[in-house]
Amino acid sequence: MGQLKMLGWTIATVILVEGLMIVPARADRSYGDITGTNTWNNNAPGYHDNFKLDPALVERVSQINREADVAYRDCETAIAQIEQAPEPPRRFARQPPQPPAIPAACVRLEELRSEAETLRATLDQLAKSRPNPNLRTW
């Protein structure tokens, strides 16, 4: 047991001495590179991303924006006309009167909104698949 205990003390002492002898890393020297600067203030490389959006996709987004503006104005006008229409005489019937039909411009506006959501999801997927220059190492 005495020999095993002595071996344990020896190993512990060696580990402690080695730990004290390790020199921390220092960054006081600056080595130049081919750009003439040093490694600490080096210029970031130019990441030229050749990623281009499909022109048909860009045109479709622009077209939806234009159509949505027109449909919004038409829908707003149709709703204002419905609100300004005089109310029919009050009836005491078992079934309430039918609400006015939804204007076609409002239906078209909803279709454009759903298509815009689909295009937004497509653009989000393209943005996620595009390489991010901020994550590159240099």
N, C-alpha and C. Protein backbone atom coordinates (compact mmCIF):
# COMPACT_ATOMS: atom_id res chain seq x y z
N MET A 1 0.81 -1.19 0.00
CA MET A 1 0.00 0.00 0.00
C MET A 1 0.85 1.26 0.00
N GLY A 2 1.96 1.24 0.67
CA GLY A 2 2.84 2.40 0.75
C GLY A 2 3.40 2.76 -0.62
N GLN A 3 3.73 1.72 -1.41
CA GLN A 3 4.28 1.97 -2.74
C GLN A 3 3.21 2.54 -3.67
N LEU A 4 1.97 2.06 -3.56
CA LEU A 4 0.85 2.55 -4.38
C LEU A 4 0.52 4.00 -4.02
N LYS A 5 0.60 4.29 -2.73
CA LYS A 5 0.33 5.65 -2.29
C LYS A 5 1.41 6.60 -2.79
N MET A 6 2.66 6.14 -2.76
CA MET A 6 3.77 6.96 -3.24
C MET A 6 3.64 7.21 -4.74
N LEU A 7 3.18 6.20 -5.50
CA LEU A 7 2.99 6.34 -6.94
C LEU A 7 1.88 7.36 -7.22
N GLY A 8 0.81 7.33 -6.44
CA GLY A 8 -0.28 8.30 -6.59
C GLY A 8 0.20 9.72 -6.33
N TRP A 9 1.03 9.90 -5.29
CA TRP A 9 1.57 11.22 -4.99
C TRP A 9 2.50 11.69 -6.11
N THR A 10 3.25 10.79 -6.66
CA THR A 10 4.17 11.15 -7.74
C THR A 10 3.39 11.61 -8.98
N ILE A 11 2.37 10.88 -9.33
CA ILE A 11 1.56 11.24 -10.50
C ILE A 11 0.86 12.58 -10.26
N ALA A 12 0.32 12.78 -9.08
CA ALA A 12 -0.34 14.04 -8.76
C ALA A 12 0.64 15.20 -8.83
N THR A 13 1.85 14.99 -8.34
CA THR A 13 2.87 16.04 -8.37
C THR A 13 3.25 16.36 -9.80
N VAL A 14 3.42 15.35 -10.63
CA VAL A 14 3.78 15.57 -12.04
C VAL A 14 2.68 16.35 -12.75
N ILE A 15 1.44 15.99 -12.52
CA ILE A 15 0.31 16.70 -13.15
C ILE A 15 0.29 18.15 -12.69
N LEU A 16 0.51 18.39 -11.41
CA LEU A 16 0.49 19.75 -10.87
C LEU A 16 1.63 20.57 -11.45
N VAL A 17 2.82 19.99 -11.53
CA VAL A 17 3.97 20.71 -12.07
C VAL A 17 3.76 21.01 -13.55
N GLU A 18 3.27 20.05 -14.31
CA GLU A 18 2.99 20.27 -15.74
C GLU A 18 1.94 21.36 -15.92
N GLY A 19 0.92 21.36 -15.08
CA GLY A 19 -0.11 22.38 -15.16
C GLY A 19 0.43 23.77 -14.89
N LEU A 20 1.38 23.88 -13.99
CA LEU A 20 1.97 25.18 -13.69
C LEU A 20 2.94 25.64 -14.77
N MET A 21 3.52 24.70 -15.51
CA MET A 21 4.50 25.04 -16.53
C MET A 21 3.86 25.42 -17.87
N ILE A 22 2.58 25.15 -18.06
CA ILE A 22 1.93 25.48 -19.33
C ILE A 22 1.84 26.99 -19.45
N VAL A 23 2.29 27.50 -20.56
CA VAL A 23 2.30 28.94 -20.79
C VAL A 23 1.02 29.30 -21.55
N PRO A 24 0.30 30.30 -21.10
CA PRO A 24 -0.91 30.69 -21.83
C PRO A 24 -0.56 31.25 -23.20
N ALA A 25 -1.48 31.12 -24.11
CA ALA A 25 -1.27 31.64 -25.45
C ALA A 25 -1.21 33.16 -25.40
N ARG A 26 -0.34 33.72 -26.23
CA ARG A 26 -0.19 35.16 -26.25
C ARG A 26 -0.37 35.65 -27.68
N ALA A 27 -0.90 36.83 -27.77
CA ALA A 27 -1.13 37.41 -29.09
C ALA A 27 -0.42 38.74 -29.22
N ASP A 28 0.80 38.81 -28.70
CA ASP A 28 1.49 40.09 -28.74
C ASP A 28 2.32 40.27 -30.01
N ARG A 29 2.55 39.22 -30.74
CA ARG A 29 3.31 39.35 -31.99
C ARG A 29 2.33 39.38 -33.15
N SER A 30 2.65 40.16 -34.12
CA SER A 30 1.78 40.29 -35.27
C SER A 30 2.56 39.90 -36.52
N TYR A 31 2.03 38.96 -37.25
CA TYR A 31 2.71 38.48 -38.44
C TYR A 31 1.99 39.03 -39.67
N GLY A 32 2.72 39.57 -40.58
CA GLY A 32 2.13 40.13 -41.79
C GLY A 32 1.70 39.04 -42.75
N ASP A 33 0.82 39.40 -43.65
CA ASP A 33 0.42 38.47 -44.70
C ASP A 33 0.59 39.17 -46.04
N ILE A 34 0.10 38.57 -47.10
CA ILE A 34 0.37 39.09 -48.44
C ILE A 34 -0.36 40.40 -48.72
N THR A 35 -1.34 40.77 -47.90
CA THR A 35 -2.06 42.03 -48.15
C THR A 35 -1.35 43.21 -47.53
N GLY A 36 -0.30 42.97 -46.76
CA GLY A 36 0.43 44.06 -46.14
C GLY A 36 -0.08 44.41 -44.76
N THR A 37 -1.21 43.85 -44.37
CA THR A 37 -1.71 44.09 -43.02
C THR A 37 -1.26 42.93 -42.15
N ASN A 38 -1.65 42.96 -40.91
CA ASN A 38 -1.30 41.83 -40.06
C ASN A 38 -2.54 40.98 -39.78
N THR A 39 -2.35 39.91 -39.05
CA THR A 39 -3.45 38.97 -38.86
C THR A 39 -4.54 39.51 -37.98
N TRP A 40 -4.28 40.57 -37.23
CA TRP A 40 -5.29 41.07 -36.30
C TRP A 40 -6.19 42.12 -36.92
N ASN A 41 -5.73 42.81 -37.94
CA ASN A 41 -6.59 43.77 -38.61
C ASN A 41 -6.68 43.47 -40.11
N ASN A 42 -6.71 42.22 -40.42
CA ASN A 42 -6.73 41.78 -41.81
C ASN A 42 -8.05 42.14 -42.47
N ASN A 43 -7.98 42.43 -43.75
CA ASN A 43 -9.19 42.73 -44.50
C ASN A 43 -9.97 41.45 -44.76
N ALA A 44 -11.28 41.55 -44.63
CA ALA A 44 -12.11 40.39 -44.93
C ALA A 44 -12.10 40.15 -46.43
N PRO A 45 -12.07 38.90 -46.83
CA PRO A 45 -12.10 38.64 -48.28
C PRO A 45 -13.46 39.04 -48.85
N GLY A 46 -13.46 39.42 -50.10
CA GLY A 46 -14.72 39.82 -50.75
C GLY A 46 -15.49 38.59 -51.16
N TYR A 47 -16.61 38.37 -50.52
CA TYR A 47 -17.45 37.24 -50.89
C TYR A 47 -18.45 37.73 -51.92
N HIS A 48 -18.18 37.44 -53.13
CA HIS A 48 -19.07 37.85 -54.21
C HIS A 48 -20.08 36.73 -54.42
N ASP A 49 -21.27 37.02 -54.01
CA ASP A 49 -22.33 36.03 -54.10
C ASP A 49 -23.04 36.21 -55.45
N ASN A 50 -23.01 35.21 -56.27
CA ASN A 50 -23.63 35.29 -57.59
C ASN A 50 -25.08 34.86 -57.56
N PHE A 51 -25.68 34.91 -56.39
CA PHE A 51 -27.06 34.49 -56.24
C PHE A 51 -27.99 35.54 -56.84
N LYS A 52 -28.82 35.13 -57.76
CA LYS A 52 -29.79 36.03 -58.38
C LYS A 52 -31.17 35.40 -58.28
N LEU A 53 -32.16 36.24 -58.01
CA LEU A 53 -33.54 35.75 -57.99
C LEU A 53 -34.00 35.53 -59.43
N ASP A 54 -34.89 34.58 -59.58
CA ASP A 54 -35.47 34.31 -60.88
C ASP A 54 -36.26 35.53 -61.33
N PRO A 55 -35.99 36.07 -62.51
CA PRO A 55 -36.71 37.27 -62.96
C PRO A 55 -38.22 37.04 -63.06
N ALA A 56 -38.64 35.83 -63.38
CA ALA A 56 -40.08 35.54 -63.45
C ALA A 56 -40.71 35.65 -62.06
N LEU A 57 -39.98 35.22 -61.04
CA LEU A 57 -40.48 35.32 -59.67
C LEU A 57 -40.59 36.78 -59.24
N VAL A 58 -39.59 37.56 -59.57
CA VAL A 58 -39.61 38.99 -59.24
C VAL A 58 -40.77 39.68 -59.95
N GLU A 59 -40.98 39.35 -61.22
CA GLU A 59 -42.08 39.95 -61.96
C GLU A 59 -43.43 39.54 -61.38
N ARG A 60 -43.54 38.28 -60.95
CA ARG A 60 -44.81 37.81 -60.37
C ARG A 60 -45.10 38.53 -59.06
N VAL A 61 -44.10 38.76 -58.25
CA VAL A 61 -44.30 39.49 -57.00
C VAL A 61 -44.75 40.92 -57.29
N SER A 62 -44.11 41.55 -58.25
CA SER A 62 -44.50 42.92 -58.63
C SER A 62 -45.92 42.95 -59.17
N GLN A 63 -46.27 41.95 -59.98
CA GLN A 63 -47.61 41.89 -60.55
C GLN A 63 -48.66 41.71 -59.45
N ILE A 64 -48.38 40.84 -58.49
CA ILE A 64 -49.33 40.62 -57.39
C ILE A 64 -49.50 41.91 -56.59
N ASN A 65 -48.40 42.65 -56.37
CA ASN A 65 -48.49 43.92 -55.64
C ASN A 65 -49.39 44.91 -56.38
N ARG A 66 -49.20 45.01 -57.70
CA ARG A 66 -50.03 45.94 -58.48
C ARG A 66 -51.50 45.52 -58.45
N GLU A 67 -51.74 44.22 -58.69
CA GLU A 67 -53.12 43.73 -58.70
C GLU A 67 -53.78 43.87 -57.33
N ALA A 68 -53.01 43.66 -56.27
CA ALA A 68 -53.56 43.77 -54.92
C ALA A 68 -53.95 45.21 -54.60
N ASP A 69 -53.17 46.17 -55.08
CA ASP A 69 -53.53 47.57 -54.86
C ASP A 69 -54.87 47.90 -55.52
N VAL A 70 -55.03 47.46 -56.75
CA VAL A 70 -56.28 47.72 -57.48
C VAL A 70 -57.44 46.98 -56.80
N ALA A 71 -57.23 45.72 -56.45
CA ALA A 71 -58.30 44.93 -55.83
C ALA A 71 -58.68 45.51 -54.47
N TYR A 72 -57.71 46.03 -53.73
CA TYR A 72 -58.01 46.63 -52.43
C TYR A 72 -58.90 47.86 -52.60
N ARG A 73 -58.52 48.72 -53.54
CA ARG A 73 -59.35 49.91 -53.77
C ARG A 73 -60.75 49.54 -54.23
N ASP A 74 -60.86 48.55 -55.14
CA ASP A 74 -62.17 48.12 -55.61
C ASP A 74 -63.00 47.51 -54.48
N CYS A 75 -62.36 46.71 -53.64
CA CYS A 75 -63.05 46.08 -52.52
C CYS A 75 -63.53 47.14 -51.53
N GLU A 76 -62.68 48.10 -51.26
CA GLU A 76 -63.06 49.17 -50.34
C GLU A 76 -64.25 49.97 -50.88
N THR A 77 -64.24 50.22 -52.18
CA THR A 77 -65.35 50.95 -52.80
C THR A 77 -66.64 50.14 -52.72
N ALA A 78 -66.54 48.83 -53.00
CA ALA A 78 -67.72 47.96 -52.96
C ALA A 78 -68.30 47.88 -51.54
N ILE A 79 -67.44 47.80 -50.56
CA ILE A 79 -67.92 47.74 -49.17
C ILE A 79 -68.59 49.07 -48.79
N ALA A 80 -68.02 50.18 -49.23
CA ALA A 80 -68.63 51.49 -48.94
C ALA A 80 -70.01 51.59 -49.59
N GLN A 81 -70.15 51.04 -50.79
CA GLN A 81 -71.46 51.07 -51.46
C GLN A 81 -72.48 50.22 -50.71
N ILE A 82 -72.04 49.08 -50.22
CA ILE A 82 -72.95 48.20 -49.47
C ILE A 82 -73.37 48.89 -48.17
N GLU A 83 -72.42 49.56 -47.52
CA GLU A 83 -72.75 50.24 -46.26
C GLU A 83 -73.69 51.42 -46.48
N GLN A 84 -73.60 52.06 -47.64
CA GLN A 84 -74.44 53.23 -47.91
C GLN A 84 -75.82 52.85 -48.44
N ALA A 85 -76.00 51.61 -48.83
CA ALA A 85 -77.30 51.18 -49.35
C ALA A 85 -78.34 51.24 -48.23
N PRO A 86 -79.56 51.67 -48.57
CA PRO A 86 -80.58 51.74 -47.51
C PRO A 86 -80.95 50.33 -47.05
N GLU A 87 -81.24 50.24 -45.76
CA GLU A 87 -81.63 48.94 -45.22
C GLU A 87 -83.04 48.59 -45.70
N PRO A 88 -83.27 47.33 -45.98
CA PRO A 88 -84.62 46.93 -46.39
C PRO A 88 -85.57 47.08 -45.20
N PRO A 89 -86.86 47.13 -45.48
CA PRO A 89 -87.80 47.25 -44.36
C PRO A 89 -87.69 46.06 -43.42
N ARG A 90 -87.96 46.30 -42.17
CA ARG A 90 -87.83 45.26 -41.17
C ARG A 90 -88.96 44.25 -41.34
N ARG A 91 -88.55 42.99 -41.32
CA ARG A 91 -89.53 41.90 -41.45
C ARG A 91 -89.53 41.11 -40.17
N PHE A 92 -90.68 40.64 -39.82
CA PHE A 92 -90.77 39.74 -38.67
C PHE A 92 -90.99 38.35 -39.22
N ALA A 93 -89.88 37.73 -39.58
CA ALA A 93 -89.95 36.40 -40.17
C ALA A 93 -89.11 35.45 -39.33
N ARG A 94 -89.32 34.16 -39.58
CA ARG A 94 -88.55 33.16 -38.83
C ARG A 94 -87.08 33.16 -39.27
N GLN A 95 -86.83 33.41 -40.52
CA GLN A 95 -85.46 33.40 -41.02
C GLN A 95 -84.97 34.85 -41.17
N PRO A 96 -83.78 35.14 -40.68
CA PRO A 96 -83.26 36.50 -40.86
C PRO A 96 -82.93 36.73 -42.34
N PRO A 97 -82.88 37.98 -42.75
CA PRO A 97 -82.57 38.25 -44.15
C PRO A 97 -81.13 37.82 -44.47
N GLN A 98 -80.89 37.45 -45.69
CA GLN A 98 -79.57 37.02 -46.13
C GLN A 98 -78.62 38.22 -46.15
N PRO A 99 -77.40 38.04 -45.69
CA PRO A 99 -76.44 39.14 -45.75
C PRO A 99 -76.09 39.41 -47.22
N PRO A 100 -75.60 40.58 -47.51
CA PRO A 100 -75.23 40.88 -48.90
C PRO A 100 -74.09 39.99 -49.36
N ALA A 101 -74.06 39.76 -50.65
CA ALA A 101 -73.01 38.89 -51.22
C ALA A 101 -71.65 39.57 -51.09
N ILE A 102 -70.62 38.77 -50.98
CA ILE A 102 -69.26 39.31 -50.90
C ILE A 102 -68.88 39.83 -52.28
N PRO A 103 -68.40 41.06 -52.36
CA PRO A 103 -68.04 41.62 -53.66
C PRO A 103 -66.92 40.82 -54.33
N ALA A 104 -66.97 40.78 -55.65
CA ALA A 104 -65.97 40.02 -56.42
C ALA A 104 -64.57 40.57 -56.19
N ALA A 105 -64.45 41.88 -56.02
CA ALA A 105 -63.13 42.48 -55.79
C ALA A 105 -62.54 41.98 -54.47
N CYS A 106 -63.39 41.78 -53.48
CA CYS A 106 -62.90 41.28 -52.18
C CYS A 106 -62.48 39.81 -52.28
N VAL A 107 -63.21 39.05 -53.08
CA VAL A 107 -62.83 37.65 -53.30
C VAL A 107 -61.47 37.60 -54.01
N ARG A 108 -61.30 38.46 -55.02
CA ARG A 108 -60.03 38.51 -55.75
C ARG A 108 -58.90 38.96 -54.82
N LEU A 109 -59.17 39.89 -53.93
CA LEU A 109 -58.16 40.35 -52.98
C LEU A 109 -57.72 39.21 -52.07
N GLU A 110 -58.65 38.39 -51.63
CA GLU A 110 -58.31 37.24 -50.78
C GLU A 110 -57.48 36.22 -51.56
N GLU A 111 -57.81 36.01 -52.83
CA GLU A 111 -57.00 35.10 -53.66
C GLU A 111 -55.57 35.61 -53.80
N LEU A 112 -55.45 36.90 -54.03
CA LEU A 112 -54.10 37.49 -54.15
C LEU A 112 -53.34 37.40 -52.83
N ARG A 113 -54.05 37.56 -51.71
CA ARG A 113 -53.38 37.45 -50.41
C ARG A 113 -52.84 36.05 -50.20
N SER A 114 -53.63 35.03 -50.54
CA SER A 114 -53.16 33.66 -50.35
C SER A 114 -52.00 33.35 -51.30
N GLU A 115 -52.05 33.89 -52.52
CA GLU A 115 -50.93 33.68 -53.44
C GLU A 115 -49.68 34.40 -52.94
N ALA A 116 -49.87 35.57 -52.36
CA ALA A 116 -48.73 36.30 -51.80
C ALA A 116 -48.10 35.53 -50.63
N GLU A 117 -48.92 34.87 -49.83
CA GLU A 117 -48.38 34.05 -48.73
C GLU A 117 -47.54 32.90 -49.29
N THR A 118 -48.02 32.29 -50.38
CA THR A 118 -47.27 31.21 -51.01
C THR A 118 -45.93 31.72 -51.53
N LEU A 119 -45.95 32.88 -52.19
CA LEU A 119 -44.71 33.46 -52.70
C LEU A 119 -43.78 33.86 -51.55
N ARG A 120 -44.33 34.34 -50.46
CA ARG A 120 -43.51 34.70 -49.30
C ARG A 120 -42.81 33.47 -48.74
N ALA A 121 -43.52 32.35 -48.69
CA ALA A 121 -42.90 31.11 -48.21
C ALA A 121 -41.79 30.67 -49.17
N THR A 122 -42.02 30.83 -50.47
CA THR A 122 -40.99 30.48 -51.46
C THR A 122 -39.75 31.35 -51.27
N LEU A 123 -39.96 32.65 -51.07
CA LEU A 123 -38.83 33.56 -50.87
C LEU A 123 -38.10 33.25 -49.56
N ASP A 124 -38.82 32.85 -48.52
CA ASP A 124 -38.17 32.47 -47.27
C ASP A 124 -37.29 31.23 -47.46
N GLN A 125 -37.79 30.27 -48.24
CA GLN A 125 -36.99 29.07 -48.51
C GLN A 125 -35.75 29.42 -49.32
N LEU A 126 -35.89 30.33 -50.28
CA LEU A 126 -34.72 30.76 -51.05
C LEU A 126 -33.71 31.48 -50.17
N ALA A 127 -34.19 32.29 -49.24
CA ALA A 127 -33.29 33.00 -48.34
C ALA A 127 -32.55 32.03 -47.42
N LYS A 128 -33.22 30.98 -47.00
CA LYS A 128 -32.57 30.00 -46.12
C LYS A 128 -31.56 29.15 -46.89
N SER A 129 -31.82 28.89 -48.16
CA SER A 129 -30.92 28.04 -48.94
C SER A 129 -29.73 28.83 -49.47
N ARG A 130 -29.81 30.15 -49.46
CA ARG A 130 -28.72 30.99 -49.95
C ARG A 130 -27.58 30.96 -48.95
N PRO A 131 -26.34 30.85 -49.42
CA PRO A 131 -25.22 30.86 -48.48
C PRO A 131 -25.11 32.19 -47.76
N ASN A 132 -24.86 32.14 -46.48
CA ASN A 132 -24.77 33.34 -45.66
C ASN A 132 -23.30 33.75 -45.52
N PRO A 133 -22.92 34.89 -46.08
CA PRO A 133 -21.51 35.29 -45.99
C PRO A 133 -21.05 35.55 -44.57
N ASN A 134 -21.97 35.83 -43.65
CA ASN A 134 -21.58 36.07 -42.27
C ASN A 134 -21.09 34.81 -41.58
N LEU A 135 -21.45 33.66 -42.11
CA LEU A 135 -21.06 32.40 -41.47
C LEU A 135 -19.79 31.80 -42.07
N ARG A 136 -19.22 32.43 -43.06
CA ARG A 136 -18.00 31.91 -43.67
C ARG A 136 -16.79 32.27 -42.83
N THR A 137 -15.82 31.40 -42.83
CA THR A 137 -14.59 31.67 -42.09
C THR A 137 -13.57 32.29 -43.03
N TRP A 138 -12.70 33.07 -42.49
CA TRP A 138 -11.65 33.65 -43.30
C TRP A 138 -10.44 33.81 -42.52
